[in-house]
PDB file of N, CA and C in Angstrom:
ATOM      1  N   MET A   1     275.305 109.843  29.125  1.00  0.00           N
ATOM      2  CA  MET A   1     273.945 110.506  29.205  1.00  0.00           C
ATOM      3  C   MET A   1     274.312 111.546  30.178  1.00  0.00           C
ATOM      4  N   THR A   2     273.832 112.155  30.087  1.00  0.00           N
ATOM      5  CA  THR A   2     274.031 113.560  31.354  1.00  0.00           C
ATOM      6  C   THR A   2     272.748 113.768  31.940  1.00  0.00           C
ATOM      7  N   LYS A   3     273.233 114.001  33.310  1.00  0.00           N
ATOM      8  CA  LYS A   3     272.247 113.768  34.743  1.00  0.00           C
ATOM      9  C   LYS A   3     271.237 115.190  34.547  1.00  0.00           C
ATOM     10  N   LYS A   4     269.924 115.018  34.918  1.00  0.00           N
ATOM     11  CA  LYS A   4     268.926 116.139  35.357  1.00  0.00           C
ATOM     12  C   LYS A   4     270.103 116.591  36.032  1.00  0.00           C
ATOM     13  N   ARG A   5     269.285 118.026  36.164  1.00  0.00           N
ATOM     14  CA  ARG A   5     269.952 119.159  37.157  1.00  0.00           C
ATOM     15  C   ARG A   5     268.554 118.810  38.589  1.00  0.00           C
ATOM     16  N   ASN A   6     268.526 119.030  39.501  1.00  0.00           N
ATOM     17  CA  ASN A   6     267.811 119.219  40.529  1.00  0.00           C
ATOM     18  C   ASN A   6     267.456 120.885  40.660  1.00  0.00           C
ATOM     19  N   ARG A   7     266.322 120.530  40.228  1.00  0.00           N
ATOM     20  CA  ARG A   7     265.551 122.319  39.899  1.00  0.00           C
ATOM     21  C   ARG A   7     264.550 122.762  40.975  1.00  0.00           C
ATOM     22  N   SER A   8     264.298 122.087  41.733  1.00  0.00           N
ATOM     23  CA  SER A   8     263.998 122.030  43.115  1.00  0.00           C
ATOM     24  C   SER A   8     263.909 123.124  43.709  1.00  0.00           C
ATOM     25  N   ARG A   9     263.110 124.094  44.672  1.00  0.00           N
ATOM     26  CA  ARG A   9     263.685 125.450  45.209  1.00  0.00           C
ATOM     27  C   ARG A   9     263.739 125.180  46.553  1.00  0.00           C
ATOM     28  N   PRO A  10     264.538 125.616  46.932  1.00  0.00           N
ATOM     29  CA  PRO A  10     264.728 125.645  48.601  1.00  0.00           C
ATOM     30  C   PRO A  10     263.181 125.601  49.461  1.00  0.00           C
ATOM     31  N   PRO A  11     262.995 125.265  50.023  1.00  0.00           N
ATOM     32  CA  PRO A  11     261.592 125.830  51.026  1.00  0.00           C
ATOM     33  C   PRO A  11     261.529 126.775  52.087  1.00  0.00           C
ATOM     34  N   GLN A  12     262.983 127.668  52.152  1.00  0.00           N
ATOM     35  CA  GLN A  12     262.951 128.805  53.232  1.00  0.00           C
ATOM     36  C   GLN A  12     263.532 129.844  52.042  1.00  0.00           C
ATOM     37  N   PRO A  13     263.454 131.088  52.086  1.00  0.00           N
ATOM     38  CA  PRO A  13     264.167 132.154  51.413  1.00  0.00           C
ATOM     39  C   PRO A  13     265.551 132.487  51.539  1.00  0.00           C
ATOM     40  N   LEU A  14     266.385 132.608  51.011  1.00  0.00           N
ATOM     41  CA  LEU A  14     267.956 132.693  51.299  1.00  0.00           C
ATOM     42  C   LEU A  14     268.405 133.636  52.679  1.00  0.00           C
ATOM     43  N   GLN A  15     267.378 134.668  52.776  1.00  0.00           N
ATOM     44  CA  GLN A  15     267.570 135.423  54.177  1.00  0.00           C
ATOM     45  C   GLN A  15     267.268 134.556  54.961  1.00  0.00           C
ATOM     46  N   GLU A  16     265.803 133.871  55.409  1.00  0.00           N
ATOM     47  CA  GLU A  16     265.822 132.982  56.594  1.00  0.00           C
ATOM     48  C   GLU A  16     266.537 131.704  56.885  1.00  0.00           C
ATOM     49  N   ARG A  17     266.875 131.032  55.845  1.00  0.00           N
ATOM     50  CA  ARG A  17     268.338 129.921  55.470  1.00  0.00           C
ATOM     51  C   ARG A  17     269.830 131.002  56.440  1.00  0.00           C
ATOM     52  N   LEU A  18     270.001 131.881  56.011  1.00  0.00           N
ATOM     53  CA  LEU A  18     270.926 132.512  56.857  1.00  0.00           C
ATOM     54  C   LEU A  18     271.131 132.908  57.958  1.00  0.00           C
ATOM     55  N   ARG A  19     269.877 133.668  58.096  1.00  0.00           N
ATOM     56  CA  ARG A  19     269.376 133.776  59.491  1.00  0.00           C
ATOM     57  C   ARG A  19     269.503 132.701  60.623  1.00  0.00           C
ATOM     58  N   GLN A  20     268.937 131.674  60.302  1.00  0.00           N
ATOM     59  CA  GLN A  20     269.064 130.377  60.797  1.00  0.00           C
ATOM     60  C   GLN A  20     270.266 129.719  61.227  1.00  0.00           C
ATOM     61  N   ILE A  21     271.103 129.800  60.051  1.00  0.00           N
ATOM     62  CA  ILE A  21     272.742 129.374  60.103  1.00  0.00           C
ATOM     63  C   ILE A  21     273.516 130.456  61.314  1.00  0.00           C
ATOM     64  N   ALA A  22     273.399 131.220  60.958  1.00  0.00           N
ATOM     65  CA  ALA A  22     274.142 132.532  62.240  1.00  0.00           C
ATOM     66  C   ALA A  22     273.413 132.158  63.212  1.00  0.00           C
ATOM     67  N   LEU A  23     272.194 131.993  63.665  1.00  0.00           N
ATOM     68  CA  LEU A  23     271.620 131.978  64.977  1.00  0.00           C
ATOM     69  C   LEU A  23     272.035 130.565  65.241  1.00  0.00           C
ATOM     70  N   GLY A  24     272.214 129.373  64.830  1.00  0.00           N
ATOM     71  CA  GLY A  24     272.606 128.001  65.142  1.00  0.00           C
ATOM     72  C   GLY A  24     273.913 128.319  65.703  1.00  0.00           C
ATOM     73  N   ALA A  25     274.897 128.560  64.937  1.00  0.00           N
ATOM     74  CA  ALA A  25     276.468 128.792  65.214  1.00  0.00           C
ATOM     75  C   ALA A  25     276.295 129.865  66.326  1.00  0.00           C
ATOM     76  N   ARG A  26     275.576 130.852  66.690  1.00  0.00           N
ATOM     77  CA  ARG A  26     275.984 131.735  68.089  1.00  0.00           C
ATOM     78  C   ARG A  26     275.758 130.803  69.254  1.00  0.00           C
ATOM     79  N   GLU A  27     274.446 130.024  69.260  1.00  0.00           N
ATOM     80  CA  GLU A  27     273.922 129.055  69.999  1.00  0.00           C
ATOM     81  C   GLU A  27     274.955 127.895  70.173  1.00  0.00           C
ATOM     82  N   LYS A  28     275.509 127.345  69.348  1.00  0.00           N
ATOM     83  CA  LYS A  28     276.788 126.320  69.723  1.00  0.00           C
ATOM     84  C   LYS A  28     277.682 127.262  70.350  1.00  0.00           C
ATOM     85  N   ALA A  29     278.108 128.096  70.063  1.00  0.00           N
ATOM     86  CA  ALA A  29     279.383 128.689  70.242  1.00  0.00           C
ATOM     87  C   ALA A  29     278.901 129.470  71.975  1.00  0.00           C
ATOM     88  N   ALA A  30     277.944 129.855  71.872  1.00  0.00           N
ATOM     89  CA  ALA A  30     277.476 130.205  73.917  1.00  0.00           C
ATOM     90  C   ALA A  30     277.937 128.774  74.791  1.00  0.00           C
ATOM     91  N   SER A  31     277.544 127.693  74.127  1.00  0.00           N
ATOM     92  CA  SER A  31     277.778 126.650  75.247  1.00  0.00           C
ATOM     93  C   SER A  31     278.884 126.193  75.096  1.00  0.00           C
ATOM     94  N   LEU A  32     280.058 126.649  74.211  1.00  0.00           N
ATOM     95  CA  LEU A  32     280.912 125.589  74.522  1.00  0.00           C
ATOM     96  C   LEU A  32     282.260 126.657  75.102  1.00  0.00           C
ATOM     97  N   PRO A  33     283.285 126.430  75.421  1.00  0.00           N
ATOM     98  CA  PRO A  33     284.383 126.614  76.484  1.00  0.00           C
ATOM     99  C   PRO A  33     285.374 127.886  75.391  1.00  0.00           C
ATOM    100  N   PRO A  34     285.793 128.490  75.840  1.00  0.00           N
ATOM    101  CA  PRO A  34     286.697 129.765  74.602  1.00  0.00           C
ATOM    102  C   PRO A  34     288.118 128.884  74.299  1.00  0.00           C
ATOM    103  N   GLY A  35     287.883 128.627  72.750  1.00  0.00           N
ATOM    104  CA  GLY A  35     288.629 127.804  72.188  1.00  0.00           C
ATOM    105  C   GLY A  35     288.136 128.202  70.592  1.00  0.00           C
ATOM    106  N   HIS A  36     289.526 127.182  69.841  1.00  0.00           N
ATOM    107  CA  HIS A  36     289.152 127.223  68.550  1.00  0.00           C
ATOM    108  C   HIS A  36     287.939 127.046  68.228  1.00  0.00           C
ATOM    109  N   GLU A  37     287.343 125.733  68.452  1.00  0.00           N
ATOM    110  CA  GLU A  37     285.993 125.758  67.973  1.00  0.00           C
ATOM    111  C   GLU A  37     284.882 126.590  68.099  1.00  0.00           C
ATOM    112  N   ARG A  38     285.061 127.365  69.121  1.00  0.00           N
ATOM    113  CA  ARG A  38     283.739 128.441  69.614  1.00  0.00           C
ATOM    114  C   ARG A  38     284.559 129.544  68.310  1.00  0.00           C
ATOM    115  N   ASP A  39     285.983 129.827  68.377  1.00  0.00           N
ATOM    116  CA  ASP A  39     286.396 131.159  67.580  1.00  0.00           C
ATOM    117  C   ASP A  39     285.532 130.662  66.221  1.00  0.00           C
ATOM    118  N   ARG A  40     285.711 129.515  66.139  1.00  0.00           N
ATOM    119  CA  ARG A  40     285.510 129.393  64.129  1.00  0.00           C
ATOM    120  C   ARG A  40     283.737 129.417  64.574  1.00  0.00           C
ATOM    121  N   LEU A  41     283.049 129.116  65.189  1.00  0.00           N
ATOM    122  CA  LEU A  41     281.414 129.410  64.991  1.00  0.00           C
ATOM    123  C   LEU A  41     281.351 130.753  65.114  1.00  0.00           C
ATOM    124  N   LEU A  42     281.887 131.273  66.110  1.00  0.00           N
ATOM    125  CA  LEU A  42     281.535 132.682  66.079  1.00  0.00           C
ATOM    126  C   LEU A  42     281.887 133.246  64.288  1.00  0.00           C
ATOM    127  N   GLU A  43     283.206 133.016  63.883  1.00  0.00           N
ATOM    128  CA  GLU A  43     283.143 133.602  62.591  1.00  0.00           C
ATOM    129  C   GLU A  43     282.496 132.896  61.785  1.00  0.00           C
ATOM    130  N   THR A  44     281.599 132.136  61.642  1.00  0.00           N
ATOM    131  CA  THR A  44     280.860 131.483  60.674  1.00  0.00           C
ATOM    132  C   THR A  44     279.806 132.501  60.950  1.00  0.00           C
ATOM    133  N   ALA A  45     279.160 132.471  62.272  1.00  0.00           N
ATOM    134  CA  ALA A  45     277.949 133.416  62.434  1.00  0.00           C
ATOM    135  C   ALA A  45     278.346 134.674  61.922  1.00  0.00           C
ATOM    136  N   VAL A  46     279.500 135.377  61.898  1.00  0.00           N
ATOM    137  CA  VAL A  46     279.656 136.701  61.408  1.00  0.00           C
ATOM    138  C   VAL A  46     279.781 136.564  59.688  1.00  0.00           C
ATOM    139  N   SER A  47     280.215 135.636  59.254  1.00  0.00           N
ATOM    140  CA  SER A  47     280.337 135.935  57.634  1.00  0.00           C
ATOM    141  C   SER A  47     278.914 135.403  57.117  1.00  0.00           C
ATOM    142  N   THR A  48     278.062 134.559  58.160  1.00  0.00           N
ATOM    143  CA  THR A  48     276.928 134.352  57.543  1.00  0.00           C
ATOM    144  C   THR A  48     275.777 135.499  57.396  1.00  0.00           C
ATOM    145  N   GLU A  49     276.268 136.413  59.040  1.00  0.00           N
ATOM    146  CA  GLU A  49     275.432 137.514  58.948  1.00  0.00           C
ATOM    147  C   GLU A  49     275.731 138.431  57.862  1.00  0.00           C
ATOM    148  N   SER A  50     277.134 138.804  57.424  1.00  0.00           N
ATOM    149  CA  SER A  50     277.623 139.760  56.643  1.00  0.00           C
ATOM    150  C   SER A  50     277.074 139.273  54.754  1.00  0.00           C
ATOM    151  N   ALA A  51     276.833 137.809  54.751  1.00  0.00           N
ATOM    152  CA  ALA A  51     276.424 137.448  53.554  1.00  0.00           C
ATOM    153  C   ALA A  51     274.808 137.755  53.232  1.00  0.00           C
ATOM    154  N   ALA A  52     274.126 137.601  54.555  1.00  0.00           N
ATOM    155  CA  ALA A  52     272.636 138.125  54.539  1.00  0.00           C
ATOM    156  C   ALA A  52     272.466 139.892  54.296  1.00  0.00           C
ATOM    157  N   ALA A  53     273.389 140.636  54.809  1.00  0.00           N
ATOM    158  CA  ALA A  53     273.635 142.309  54.864  1.00  0.00           C
ATOM    159  C   ALA A  53     274.019 142.286  53.209  1.00  0.00           C
ATOM    160  N   ILE A  54     274.782 141.457  52.683  1.00  0.00           N
ATOM    161  CA  ILE A  54     274.731 141.789  51.135  1.00  0.00           C
ATOM    162  C   ILE A  54     274.203 141.576  49.855  1.00  0.00           C
ATOM    163  N   ASP A  55     273.414 140.349  50.558  1.00  0.00           N
ATOM    164  CA  ASP A  55     271.970 139.915  49.605  1.00  0.00           C
ATOM    165  C   ASP A  55     270.773 141.280  50.148  1.00  0.00           C
ATOM    166  N   ARG A  56     270.668 141.352  51.171  1.00  0.00           N
ATOM    167  CA  ARG A  56     269.761 142.408  51.276  1.00  0.00           C
ATOM    168  C   ARG A  56     270.146 143.426  50.216  1.00  0.00           C
ATOM    169  N   TRP A  57     271.554 144.172  50.519  1.00  0.00           N
ATOM    170  CA  TRP A  57     271.633 145.278  49.942  1.00  0.00           C
ATOM    171  C   TRP A  57     271.794 145.439  47.933  1.00  0.00           C
ATOM    172  N   LEU A  58     271.902 143.819  47.953  1.00  0.00           N
ATOM    173  CA  LEU A  58     272.245 143.622  46.386  1.00  0.00           C
ATOM    174  C   LEU A  58     270.406 143.740  45.608  1.00  0.00           C
ATOM    175  N   SER A  59     269.809 143.140  46.693  1.00  0.00           N
ATOM    176  CA  SER A  59     268.061 142.898  46.425  1.00  0.00           C
ATOM    177  C   SER A  59     267.210 143.798  46.547  1.00  0.00           C
ATOM    178  N   SER A  60     268.132 145.169  47.297  1.00  0.00           N
ATOM    179  CA  SER A  60     267.324 146.173  47.347  1.00  0.00           C
ATOM    180  C   SER A  60     266.651 147.049  46.155  1.00  0.00           C
ATOM    181  N   PRO A  61     265.201 147.658  46.395  1.00  0.00           N
ATOM    182  CA  PRO A  61     264.783 148.218  45.093  1.00  0.00           C
ATOM    183  C   PRO A  61     265.978 149.514  45.158  1.00  0.00           C
ATOM    184  N   ALA A  62     266.576 150.165  45.862  1.00  0.00           N
ATOM    185  CA  ALA A  62     267.417 151.201  45.582  1.00  0.00           C
ATOM    186  C   ALA A  62     268.516 151.546  45.257  1.00  0.00           C
ATOM    187  N   LEU A  63     268.642 150.246  44.854  1.00  0.00           N
ATOM    188  CA  LEU A  63     270.099 149.814  44.182  1.00  0.00           C
ATOM    189  C   LEU A  63     269.962 150.183  42.404  1.00  0.00           C
ATOM    190  N   GLN A  64     270.842 151.222  41.953  1.00  0.00           N
ATOM    191  CA  GLN A  64     270.553 151.243  40.818  1.00  0.00           C
ATOM    192  C   GLN A  64     271.573 150.447  39.627  1.00  0.00           C
ATOM    193  N   GLY A  65     271.214 149.817  38.426  1.00  0.00           N
ATOM    194  CA  GLY A  65     271.803 149.552  37.775  1.00  0.00           C
ATOM    195  C   GLY A  65     272.687 150.993  36.846  1.00  0.00           C
ATOM    196  N   PRO A  66     274.275 150.101  36.608  1.00  0.00           N
ATOM    197  CA  PRO A  66     274.876 151.411  35.749  1.00  0.00           C
ATOM    198  C   PRO A  66     274.189 151.743  34.021  1.00  0.00           C
ATOM    199  N   LYS A  67     274.244 152.887  33.773  1.00  0.00           N
ATOM    200  CA  LYS A  67     273.715 153.630  32.610  1.00  0.00           C
ATOM    201  C   LYS A  67     274.682 153.275  31.209  1.00  0.00           C
TER     202      LYS A  67
END
């Protein structure tokens, strides 16, 4: 028997979730001394902000499909 998929929608839009992840990572990094863990958190924040920018770009109305 196959499992049913969870078809519920997340409570917040993707942009808001990405913003919260980046903000949380930056806040945690600010409280840490320089080192590997802080660098990892800052990389997470940067990559999450990049993902948000790409999502905004892909969902923009100015983006035209191929003709």
